[in-house]
Amino acid sequence: MPALNATEILPLVARMKAALARKDRTETNRVVAALLDGAAPLGEQWQAISQLMQVSGEFNLALRAIDAFIASAADKPRARYSKVVLLTQAQRLQEAQDLLTQLPEDVPDRAGRAYVLGNTAMTLGRIDEARAHLLTALKHRPGWGPAWLSLVMVGNLKTDPIGEQLLAERSVAERQGPADLARYHYALGKLHVDRGDHAAAFAAFARGAALLKSLTPYGREANAANAESTMTGYSHDFFDRMREKQTIDTSRPIFVTGLPRSGTTLVEQILASHSAVLDGGELNFVQHMAVSVGGVSGDAVAQYVARGGSLDDLGGLYLHLLEERFGPTGRIVDKTIDVSRCMGLIAAALPDAPLIWMRRDPLDSAWSCFRTFFIHGVAWSFDLEDIAHHFQLEDRLMAFWKEQLGDRLLVVPYGALVEDPALWTARLLAHCGLDEEAAAYTPHLTERRVATASSLQVRRPINRDGLGVAEPYREFLQPFIDAYYGNESAAAV
């Protein structure tokens, strides 16, 4: 096909802008594909189009667009680095790492290159390699919070000499901006936890949280209103009525939700150890269904159907995005954060998809959330009373969805899972319609990428180490206890 000329390109660009304005995904994709097929000479605009496609979950078009951008830039290293970023965002980490190692050491810069290589190696489970790269990053940029936050995850630092290096770089770290400085303090907190200095650990996490809270304040009223709105319009027969309108098989995804640090990554590891299952991680594909519907409430879904919207099209959109990322085969675990806020939409549009909700001891969960730096900026985690407020909302959502969905929603207590992993693994497999396989009972032996704060824990045999982790910090967690439990005696906690 000959390359498009200017008179052919301008109408296509106008069509794309119009399609974007009316949120017409199909037309947008059709125009982008036409521009790519016609080798339109759009130069740097291809990078923006790639980003647009990546945000909308259209990975293959995003990949083609970034290749077009690289070609227009005469294959310059910094243009090729944009593909590293895209591959990393799509969790195609080995490809990203392979491409980055082919680029000059100063792309994007020496510290940044080593940092990306270290993080991809860590996620892929290559701990020694990750450590070496991250130390290289710090050699070029001492005190850099992001590099330190990754580096302290290599293991227990109680006797590790990098702990002394971390402390020695504090003065230079304090000259960073608040976001990077916050990461440094979360890293410092991890060091003090490993050394058993509870007061110093809490103080470091509190400093990091305060810095982040100044950047991203938490709105209690907005969060409460959001939780309330997601439960409106759902009656006991709602999902039965919606199922009658769905004709396609929607069993491919498996949704695992719950509060962060509640054991969702462990359940993902168990399920992804099965030969029929791939780990998806935090996919965020449901947001695209919500855009199509115009919301996540039962009222929004009902109005969508009344307007002539098809639940087959809605579920098909999610399945299409899965295929874009993972190909056409294999069950996929989706552990997107805040699925509680769109559980009704998922249950209506994907009626065959298993739903799993993890529950952990509230105090252990609160401490784990407070001490964790969340890459997506979980604003409620920066303050103990805000954590209590969010937990109460999530408790209400879990009770509501359990009442509406019954046995379709499997609630898994984290404590019970680690006390009797064989029993709960069997229940998980049965709930997901998976055949028994020995590998699911030894999930720590499964090699896969893990891009969460639990990346090292899930590579160990299932154990009880996560139980009672908040106890040494109880006195510091009193604001959470008072806010979450109210007038109940702390002795009953």
Protein backbone atom coordinates (compact mmCIF):
# COMPACT_ATOMS: atom_id res chain seq x y z
CA MET A 1 0.00 0.00 0.00
CA PRO A 2 1.51 3.39 -0.98
CA ALA A 3 2.13 5.97 1.71
CA LEU A 4 -0.71 8.39 2.38
CA ASN A 5 -0.26 11.94 1.17
CA ALA A 6 -1.24 15.14 2.98
CA THR A 7 -4.66 15.41 1.35
CA GLU A 8 -5.49 11.87 2.50
CA ILE A 9 -4.06 12.29 6.01
CA LEU A 10 -5.93 15.44 7.04
CA PRO A 11 -9.45 13.90 6.73
CA LEU A 12 -8.31 10.84 8.68
CA VAL A 13 -6.89 13.00 11.48
CA ALA A 14 -10.16 14.95 11.59
CA ARG A 15 -12.10 11.67 11.81
CA MET A 16 -9.88 10.52 14.67
CA LYS A 17 -10.40 13.75 16.62
CA ALA A 18 -14.17 13.52 16.12
CA ALA A 19 -14.19 9.88 17.24
CA LEU A 20 -12.20 10.75 20.35
CA ALA A 21 -14.59 13.58 21.17
CA ARG A 22 -17.58 11.24 21.13
CA LYS A 23 -15.61 8.41 22.81
CA ASP A 24 -16.03 6.10 19.83
CA ARG A 25 -13.35 3.48 20.48
CA THR A 26 -14.08 1.41 17.36
CA GLU A 27 -13.80 4.36 14.97
CA THR A 28 -10.69 5.68 16.72
CA ASN A 29 -8.98 2.33 16.37
CA ARG A 30 -10.05 2.04 12.72
CA VAL A 31 -8.56 5.44 11.85
CA VAL A 32 -5.31 4.78 13.72
CA ALA A 33 -4.95 1.47 11.91
CA ALA A 34 -5.55 3.22 8.58
CA LEU A 35 -2.89 5.81 9.35
CA LEU A 36 -0.45 3.05 10.27
CA ASP A 37 -1.28 0.92 7.24
CA GLY A 38 -0.74 3.97 5.06
CA ALA A 39 2.61 4.81 6.67
CA ALA A 40 1.39 8.34 7.35
CA PRO A 41 4.39 10.66 7.88
CA LEU A 42 3.24 11.98 11.26
CA GLY A 43 6.69 12.20 12.84
CA GLU A 44 6.63 12.91 16.57
CA GLN A 45 2.83 12.74 16.57
CA TRP A 46 3.16 8.95 16.45
CA GLN A 47 4.46 9.02 20.02
CA ALA A 48 1.34 10.82 21.22
CA ILE A 49 -0.87 8.39 19.29
CA SER A 50 1.01 5.47 20.88
CA GLN A 51 0.38 6.90 24.33
CA LEU A 52 -3.29 7.36 23.48
CA MET A 53 -3.61 3.75 22.38
CA GLN A 54 -1.72 2.51 25.44
CA VAL A 55 -4.06 4.41 27.78
CA SER A 56 -7.09 2.91 26.03
CA GLY A 57 -5.64 -0.60 26.36
CA GLU A 58 -5.02 -1.10 22.64
CA PHE A 59 -1.53 -2.46 23.07
CA ASN A 60 -0.92 -3.73 19.54
CA LEU A 61 -1.81 -0.38 17.99
CA ALA A 62 0.31 1.34 20.63
CA LEU A 63 3.25 -0.88 19.72
CA ARG A 64 2.84 -0.22 16.00
CA ALA A 65 2.60 3.52 16.63
CA ILE A 66 5.74 3.61 18.76
CA ASP A 67 7.60 1.70 16.04
CA ALA A 68 6.40 4.32 13.55
CA PHE A 69 7.70 7.05 15.87
CA ILE A 70 11.08 5.31 16.15
CA ALA A 71 11.30 4.98 12.38
CA SER A 72 10.48 8.66 11.93
CA ALA A 73 13.27 9.51 14.39
CA ALA A 74 15.80 7.49 12.36
CA ASP A 75 16.05 4.86 15.12
CA LYS A 76 17.68 7.27 17.56
CA PRO A 77 18.36 5.74 21.00
CA ARG A 78 16.12 8.16 22.89
CA ALA A 79 13.25 7.33 20.55
CA ARG A 80 13.87 3.62 21.12
CA TYR A 81 13.77 4.25 24.87
CA SER A 82 10.13 5.29 24.47
CA LYS A 83 9.46 1.69 23.47
CA VAL A 84 11.17 0.49 26.66
CA VAL A 85 8.69 2.61 28.60
CA LEU A 86 5.74 1.18 26.68
CA LEU A 87 6.89 -2.42 27.15
CA THR A 88 7.41 -1.81 30.87
CA GLN A 89 3.91 -0.36 31.25
CA ALA A 90 2.52 -3.44 29.51
CA GLN A 91 4.50 -5.72 31.89
CA ARG A 92 6.51 -7.17 29.00
CA LEU A 93 9.53 -6.79 31.17
CA GLN A 94 12.00 -9.17 29.57
CA GLU A 95 11.49 -7.47 26.22
CA ALA A 96 11.92 -4.08 27.87
CA GLN A 97 15.11 -5.18 29.59
CA ASP A 98 16.53 -6.72 26.40
CA LEU A 99 15.90 -3.52 24.45
CA LEU A 100 17.31 -1.27 27.16
CA THR A 101 20.57 -3.24 27.33
CA GLN A 102 21.05 -2.49 23.61
CA LEU A 103 20.89 1.27 24.19
CA PRO A 104 23.81 3.51 25.23
CA GLU A 105 24.43 3.72 28.97
CA ASP A 106 23.45 7.39 29.08
CA VAL A 107 19.89 6.71 27.82
CA PRO A 108 17.78 8.03 29.46
CA ASP A 109 20.71 8.77 31.81
CA ARG A 110 23.09 6.48 33.67
CA ALA A 111 21.14 6.43 36.91
CA GLY A 112 17.77 6.08 35.20
CA ARG A 113 18.97 3.22 33.00
CA ALA A 114 20.34 1.28 35.97
CA TYR A 115 17.15 1.96 37.93
CA VAL A 116 14.90 0.54 35.19
CA LEU A 117 17.15 -2.49 34.76
CA GLY A 118 17.11 -3.05 38.52
CA ASN A 119 13.35 -2.83 38.81
CA THR A 120 12.69 -5.16 35.89
CA ALA A 121 15.17 -7.69 37.29
CA MET A 122 13.50 -7.45 40.72
CA THR A 123 10.05 -8.03 39.25
CA LEU A 124 11.38 -11.01 37.31
CA GLY A 125 12.82 -12.47 40.52
CA ARG A 126 16.50 -11.97 39.71
CA ILE A 127 17.46 -10.45 43.04
CA ASP A 128 21.26 -10.37 42.78
CA GLU A 129 21.06 -8.76 39.36
CA ALA A 130 18.55 -6.23 40.65
CA ARG A 131 20.79 -5.34 43.57
CA ALA A 132 23.78 -4.72 41.31
CA HIS A 133 21.84 -2.44 38.97
CA LEU A 134 20.25 -0.44 41.80
CA LEU A 135 23.61 0.10 43.48
CA THR A 136 24.86 1.39 40.14
CA ALA A 137 21.94 3.81 40.02
CA LEU A 138 22.88 5.10 43.48
CA LYS A 139 26.50 5.44 42.45
CA HIS A 140 25.39 7.92 39.81
CA ARG A 141 22.69 9.55 41.97
CA PRO A 142 23.41 9.14 45.73
CA GLY A 143 20.44 9.32 48.07
CA TRP A 144 17.93 8.87 45.26
CA GLY A 145 14.68 7.81 46.91
CA PRO A 146 13.21 5.65 44.11
CA ALA A 147 16.40 3.59 43.81
CA TRP A 148 16.64 3.14 47.56
CA LEU A 149 13.00 2.12 47.85
CA SER A 150 13.59 -0.65 45.32
CA LEU A 151 16.93 -1.69 46.77
CA VAL A 152 15.69 -2.25 50.33
CA MET A 153 13.29 -4.89 48.96
CA VAL A 154 16.17 -7.26 48.11
CA GLY A 155 15.82 -8.99 51.49
CA ASN A 156 16.28 -8.51 55.22
CA LEU A 157 18.69 -5.64 55.92
CA LYS A 158 19.41 -6.40 59.57
CA THR A 159 23.08 -7.12 58.88
CA ASP A 160 23.31 -6.01 55.27
CA PRO A 161 25.98 -3.31 54.73
CA ILE A 162 23.73 -1.40 52.36
CA GLY A 163 21.83 -0.34 55.47
CA GLU A 164 24.79 1.78 56.55
CA GLN A 165 25.03 3.25 53.06
CA LEU A 166 21.33 4.16 53.25
CA LEU A 167 21.88 6.00 56.54
CA ALA A 168 25.02 7.71 55.26
CA GLU A 169 23.16 9.16 52.28
CA ARG A 170 20.42 10.77 54.36
CA SER A 171 21.80 14.31 54.16
CA VAL A 172 21.96 14.28 50.37
CA ALA A 173 18.56 12.58 50.21
CA GLU A 174 17.02 15.47 52.16
CA ARG A 175 17.81 17.78 49.23
CA GLN A 176 15.42 15.89 46.92
CA GLY A 177 11.91 16.96 46.04
CA PRO A 178 9.09 15.73 48.32
CA ALA A 179 8.07 12.75 46.15
CA ASP A 180 11.58 11.27 45.96
CA LEU A 181 12.30 12.18 49.59
CA ALA A 182 9.15 10.33 50.65
CA ARG A 183 10.44 7.21 48.90
CA TYR A 184 13.72 7.55 50.76
CA HIS A 185 11.89 7.63 54.10
CA TYR A 186 9.83 4.55 53.21
CA ALA A 187 13.13 2.82 52.45
CA LEU A 188 14.52 4.03 55.79
CA GLY A 189 11.47 2.64 57.55
CA LYS A 190 12.07 -0.78 56.00
CA LEU A 191 15.65 -0.73 57.33
CA HIS A 192 14.47 0.05 60.87
CA VAL A 193 11.79 -2.67 60.67
CA ASP A 194 14.45 -5.22 59.74
CA ARG A 195 16.62 -4.01 62.64
CA GLY A 196 13.75 -4.18 65.11
CA ASP A 197 13.73 -0.44 65.95
CA HIS A 198 9.97 0.03 66.04
CA ALA A 199 9.89 3.69 67.02
CA ALA A 200 12.39 4.70 64.34
CA ALA A 201 10.55 2.63 61.75
CA PHE A 202 7.20 4.23 62.50
CA ALA A 203 8.74 7.72 62.48
CA ALA A 204 10.31 7.13 59.07
CA PHE A 205 7.09 5.83 57.52
CA ALA A 206 5.15 8.70 59.09
CA ARG A 207 7.56 11.23 57.57
CA GLY A 208 7.22 9.66 54.14
CA ALA A 209 3.43 9.53 54.45
CA ALA A 210 3.25 13.17 55.53
CA LEU A 211 5.25 14.24 52.49
CA LEU A 212 2.93 12.34 50.16
CA LYS A 213 -0.19 13.60 51.93
CA SER A 214 0.95 17.17 51.24
CA LEU A 215 1.03 16.29 47.53
CA THR A 216 -2.15 14.15 47.37
CA PRO A 217 -4.68 14.95 50.11
CA TYR A 218 -7.46 12.45 50.84
CA GLY A 219 -11.10 13.49 50.47
CA ARG A 220 -13.27 11.50 52.87
CA GLU A 221 -16.55 12.89 51.60
CA ALA A 222 -15.67 12.15 47.99
CA ASN A 223 -14.57 8.59 48.82
CA ALA A 224 -17.74 7.93 50.82
CA ALA A 225 -19.93 9.33 48.04
CA ASN A 226 -18.13 7.16 45.50
CA ALA A 227 -18.65 4.04 47.60
CA GLU A 228 -22.33 4.84 48.07
CA SER A 229 -22.93 5.48 44.38
CA THR A 230 -21.38 2.16 43.33
CA MET A 231 -24.02 0.28 45.35
CA THR A 232 -27.06 2.07 43.95
CA GLY A 233 -29.45 0.38 41.57
CA TYR A 234 -28.54 -3.21 42.38
CA SER A 235 -31.36 -5.46 43.55
CA HIS A 236 -31.36 -9.18 44.30
CA ASP A 237 -32.66 -10.07 40.84
CA PHE A 238 -30.54 -7.53 38.96
CA PHE A 239 -27.75 -9.91 38.00
CA ASP A 240 -30.16 -12.67 36.98
CA ARG A 241 -31.88 -10.20 34.64
CA MET A 242 -28.56 -9.06 33.19
CA ARG A 243 -27.33 -12.63 32.69
CA GLU A 244 -30.28 -13.28 30.39
CA LYS A 245 -28.90 -10.57 28.09
CA GLN A 246 -25.38 -12.07 27.94
CA THR A 247 -24.67 -14.79 25.36
CA ILE A 248 -20.86 -14.94 25.18
CA ASP A 249 -18.50 -16.92 27.41
CA THR A 250 -16.97 -14.51 29.94
CA SER A 251 -15.17 -17.02 32.15
CA ARG A 252 -11.64 -16.10 31.06
CA PRO A 253 -10.86 -13.49 33.75
CA ILE A 254 -10.58 -14.28 37.46
CA PHE A 255 -10.99 -11.21 39.68
CA VAL A 256 -9.09 -11.09 42.97
CA THR A 257 -9.77 -8.07 45.12
CA GLY A 258 -9.59 -6.82 48.68
CA LEU A 259 -7.63 -4.11 50.43
CA PRO A 260 -4.02 -3.65 49.35
CA ARG A 261 -1.62 -5.90 51.30
CA SER A 262 -4.45 -8.29 52.17
CA GLY A 263 -3.06 -11.35 50.35
CA THR A 264 -4.26 -10.71 46.79
CA THR A 265 -0.78 -11.29 45.35
CA LEU A 266 -0.51 -14.61 47.21
CA VAL A 267 -3.81 -15.76 45.74
CA GLU A 268 -2.67 -14.61 42.30
CA GLN A 269 0.53 -16.65 42.79
CA ILE A 270 -1.47 -19.74 43.73
CA LEU A 271 -3.78 -19.44 40.74
CA ALA A 272 -1.01 -18.48 38.28
CA SER A 273 0.84 -21.66 39.29
CA HIS A 274 -1.91 -23.57 37.47
CA SER A 275 -1.08 -24.45 33.87
CA ALA A 276 -4.31 -22.88 32.59
CA VAL A 277 -3.82 -19.49 34.27
CA LEU A 278 -1.71 -16.43 33.53
CA ASP A 279 -1.02 -13.63 35.99
CA GLY A 280 -2.44 -10.33 34.83
CA GLY A 281 -1.66 -8.08 37.77
CA GLU A 282 -3.40 -4.73 38.12
CA LEU A 283 -4.92 -4.41 34.66
CA ASN A 284 -7.35 -1.48 35.09
CA PHE A 285 -9.36 -2.65 32.07
CA VAL A 286 -12.67 -2.30 33.90
CA GLN A 287 -12.40 1.49 33.63
CA HIS A 288 -12.92 1.18 29.88
CA MET A 289 -16.19 -0.67 30.43
CA ALA A 290 -17.22 2.07 32.87
CA VAL A 291 -16.56 4.73 30.23
CA SER A 292 -18.75 2.85 27.74
CA VAL A 293 -21.56 2.52 30.28
CA GLY A 294 -21.24 6.01 31.75
CA GLY A 295 -20.70 4.81 35.31
CA VAL A 296 -20.52 1.73 37.53
CA SER A 297 -23.83 1.83 39.39
CA GLY A 298 -26.75 -0.47 38.68
CA ASP A 299 -28.68 2.55 37.45
CA ALA A 300 -25.92 3.32 34.94
CA VAL A 301 -25.90 -0.27 33.67
CA ALA A 302 -29.70 -0.33 33.36
CA GLN A 303 -29.69 2.97 31.46
CA TYR A 304 -26.95 1.68 29.18
CA VAL A 305 -29.08 -1.36 28.29
CA ALA A 306 -32.20 0.81 27.88
CA ARG A 307 -30.32 2.97 25.36
CA GLY A 308 -29.67 -0.14 23.30
CA GLY A 309 -26.28 -0.98 24.76
CA SER A 310 -25.22 -4.61 24.50
CA LEU A 311 -23.82 -6.52 27.46
CA ASP A 312 -22.15 -8.81 24.92
CA ASP A 313 -20.34 -5.78 23.53
CA LEU A 314 -19.45 -4.63 27.03
CA GLY A 315 -18.05 -7.97 28.13
CA GLY A 316 -16.49 -8.38 24.71
CA LEU A 317 -14.57 -5.13 25.18
CA TYR A 318 -12.94 -6.47 28.34
CA LEU A 319 -12.13 -9.78 26.63
CA HIS A 320 -10.68 -7.90 23.65
CA LEU A 321 -8.36 -5.93 25.93
CA LEU A 322 -7.24 -9.19 27.58
CA GLU A 323 -6.40 -10.61 24.17
CA GLU A 324 -4.50 -7.45 23.24
CA ARG A 325 -2.23 -7.89 26.25
CA PHE A 326 -2.04 -11.67 26.68
CA GLY A 327 -3.06 -13.29 23.42
CA PRO A 328 -6.10 -15.50 22.82
CA THR A 329 -5.57 -18.33 25.33
CA GLY A 330 -5.31 -18.83 29.07
CA ARG A 331 -7.33 -17.71 32.06
CA ILE A 332 -6.15 -14.35 33.45
CA VAL A 333 -6.02 -13.13 37.05
CA ASP A 334 -7.03 -9.46 37.33
CA LYS A 335 -6.17 -7.97 40.72
CA THR A 336 -6.85 -4.34 39.93
CA ILE A 337 -7.07 -2.15 43.04
CA ASP A 338 -10.55 -0.87 43.98
CA VAL A 339 -12.50 -3.56 42.14
CA SER A 340 -14.89 -3.18 45.09
CA ARG A 341 -16.04 0.05 43.43
CA CYS A 342 -17.02 -1.64 40.17
CA MET A 343 -17.98 -5.13 41.36
CA GLY A 344 -21.56 -4.71 40.13
CA LEU A 345 -20.44 -3.71 36.64
CA ILE A 346 -18.08 -6.69 36.49
CA ALA A 347 -20.75 -9.10 37.71
CA ALA A 348 -23.22 -7.81 35.12
CA ALA A 349 -20.92 -7.62 32.10
CA LEU A 350 -18.81 -10.71 32.90
CA PRO A 351 -21.29 -13.09 34.54
CA ASP A 352 -19.05 -16.17 34.24
CA ALA A 353 -15.96 -14.58 35.80
CA PRO A 354 -15.08 -15.91 39.29
CA LEU A 355 -14.87 -13.26 42.03
CA ILE A 356 -12.56 -13.55 45.06
CA TRP A 357 -12.29 -11.10 47.97
CA MET A 358 -9.36 -11.26 50.40
CA ARG A 359 -9.80 -10.31 54.07
CA ARG A 360 -6.97 -9.73 56.54
CA ASP A 361 -6.85 -8.76 60.20
CA PRO A 362 -7.67 -5.00 60.14
CA LEU A 363 -4.76 -3.95 62.36
CA ASP A 364 -2.21 -5.98 60.36
CA SER A 365 -3.71 -4.64 57.16
CA ALA A 366 -3.65 -1.04 58.42
CA TRP A 367 0.01 -1.25 59.41
CA SER A 368 0.95 -2.92 56.13
CA CYS A 369 -0.82 -0.20 54.13
CA PHE A 370 0.69 2.63 56.19
CA ARG A 371 4.23 1.33 55.68
CA THR A 372 3.86 0.65 51.95
CA PHE A 373 4.64 3.15 49.22
CA PHE A 374 1.92 2.67 46.61
CA ILE A 375 3.05 3.65 43.14
CA HIS A 376 -0.47 4.77 42.20
CA GLY A 377 -0.75 7.20 45.11
CA VAL A 378 -3.32 5.65 47.45
CA ALA A 379 -4.17 8.86 49.29
CA TRP A 380 -6.04 7.26 52.17
CA SER A 381 -2.90 5.31 53.19
CA PHE A 382 -0.99 8.40 54.36
CA ASP A 383 -2.92 8.91 57.62
CA LEU A 384 -4.05 6.33 60.22
CA GLU A 385 -7.49 7.85 60.68
CA ASP A 386 -7.97 8.06 56.93
CA ILE A 387 -7.03 4.39 56.70
CA ALA A 388 -9.74 3.59 59.25
CA HIS A 389 -12.28 5.61 57.27
CA HIS A 390 -11.45 3.81 54.02
CA PHE A 391 -11.48 0.40 55.70
CA GLN A 392 -14.97 1.04 57.05
CA LEU A 393 -16.18 1.89 53.56
CA GLU A 394 -14.62 -1.28 52.16
CA ASP A 395 -16.19 -3.37 54.95
CA ARG A 396 -19.58 -2.05 53.95
CA LEU A 397 -18.92 -2.74 50.27
CA MET A 398 -17.84 -6.31 50.98
CA ALA A 399 -20.97 -6.98 53.01
CA PHE A 400 -23.15 -5.47 50.29
CA TRP A 401 -21.60 -7.43 47.43
CA LYS A 402 -21.63 -10.66 49.40
CA GLU A 403 -25.33 -10.20 50.04
CA GLN A 404 -26.01 -9.46 46.36
CA LEU A 405 -23.75 -12.07 44.79
CA GLY A 406 -23.93 -14.93 47.28
CA ASP A 407 -21.66 -17.87 46.53
CA ARG A 408 -20.36 -16.26 43.36
CA LEU A 409 -18.16 -14.10 45.60
CA LEU A 410 -15.66 -16.20 47.57
CA VAL A 411 -14.38 -14.40 50.66
CA VAL A 412 -10.97 -15.74 51.69
CA PRO A 413 -9.61 -14.90 55.17
CA TYR A 414 -5.85 -14.39 54.86
CA GLY A 415 -5.20 -15.94 58.28
CA ALA A 416 -7.15 -19.07 57.40
CA LEU A 417 -5.36 -19.34 54.04
CA VAL A 418 -1.87 -19.35 55.54
CA GLU A 419 -2.93 -21.65 58.40
CA ASP A 420 -4.37 -24.26 56.04
CA PRO A 421 -3.15 -23.47 52.50
CA ALA A 422 -4.10 -26.89 51.10
CA LEU A 423 -7.75 -26.51 52.12
CA TRP A 424 -8.06 -23.00 50.73
CA THR A 425 -6.10 -23.77 47.56
CA ALA A 426 -8.60 -26.53 46.82
CA ARG A 427 -11.46 -24.08 47.43
CA LEU A 428 -9.88 -21.49 45.14
CA LEU A 429 -9.40 -24.00 42.32
CA ALA A 430 -12.96 -25.25 42.66
CA HIS A 431 -14.38 -21.72 42.77
CA CYS A 432 -12.53 -20.86 39.55
CA GLY A 433 -13.51 -24.08 37.79
CA LEU A 434 -9.90 -25.25 37.56
CA ASP A 435 -8.78 -28.86 37.67
CA GLU A 436 -6.59 -29.99 40.54
CA GLU A 437 -2.87 -29.53 39.83
CA ALA A 438 0.02 -30.13 42.19
CA ALA A 439 1.79 -26.90 41.19
CA ALA A 440 -0.96 -24.78 42.74
CA TYR A 441 -0.08 -26.27 46.14
CA THR A 442 3.58 -25.20 45.87
CA PRO A 443 3.18 -21.70 44.45
CA HIS A 444 6.57 -20.49 45.69
CA LEU A 445 8.21 -22.69 43.05
CA THR A 446 6.45 -20.88 40.22
CA GLU A 447 8.66 -18.39 38.40
CA ARG A 448 6.79 -15.33 37.19
CA ARG A 449 6.95 -11.56 37.30
CA VAL A 450 5.55 -9.94 40.47
CA ALA A 451 5.27 -6.17 40.32
CA THR A 452 3.93 -5.46 43.81
CA ALA A 453 5.37 -4.97 47.29
CA SER A 454 4.80 -8.71 47.86
CA SER A 455 7.28 -9.75 45.16
CA LEU A 456 9.68 -11.49 47.55
CA GLN A 457 7.11 -12.91 49.97
CA VAL A 458 5.28 -14.93 47.31
CA ARG A 459 8.54 -16.59 46.29
CA ARG A 460 8.76 -18.20 49.72
CA PRO A 461 6.65 -21.15 50.90
CA ILE A 462 3.30 -20.03 52.33
CA ASN A 463 3.93 -19.14 55.97
CA ARG A 464 2.49 -17.36 59.01
CA ASP A 465 4.98 -14.46 58.97
CA GLY A 466 2.27 -12.02 57.88
CA LEU A 467 0.15 -12.71 60.98
CA GLY A 468 0.43 -10.29 63.89
CA VAL A 469 2.86 -7.97 62.10
CA ALA A 470 1.20 -4.90 63.64
CA GLU A 471 1.57 -6.00 67.25
CA PRO A 472 5.01 -4.38 67.87
CA TYR A 473 3.56 -1.09 66.59
CA ARG A 474 0.24 -1.16 68.48
CA GLU A 475 0.98 1.95 70.54
CA PHE A 476 1.73 3.94 67.39
CA LEU A 477 -1.42 2.65 65.68
CA GLN A 478 -3.82 3.85 68.39
CA PRO A 479 -5.33 6.54 66.13
CA PHE A 480 -6.38 3.80 63.72
CA ILE A 481 -7.73 1.61 66.53
CA ASP A 482 -9.81 4.45 67.96
CA ALA A 483 -11.15 5.54 64.58
CA TYR A 484 -11.89 2.06 63.20
CA TYR A 485 -13.30 0.39 66.28
CA GLY A 486 -14.93 3.48 67.78
CA ASN A 487 -16.02 2.99 71.37
CA GLU A 488 -14.98 -0.65 71.49
CA SER A 489 -12.30 -1.37 74.05
CA ALA A 490 -8.79 -1.58 72.65
CA ALA A 491 -8.44 -4.71 74.73
CA ALA A 492 -10.98 -6.36 72.46
CA VAL A 493 -8.93 -5.60 69.37
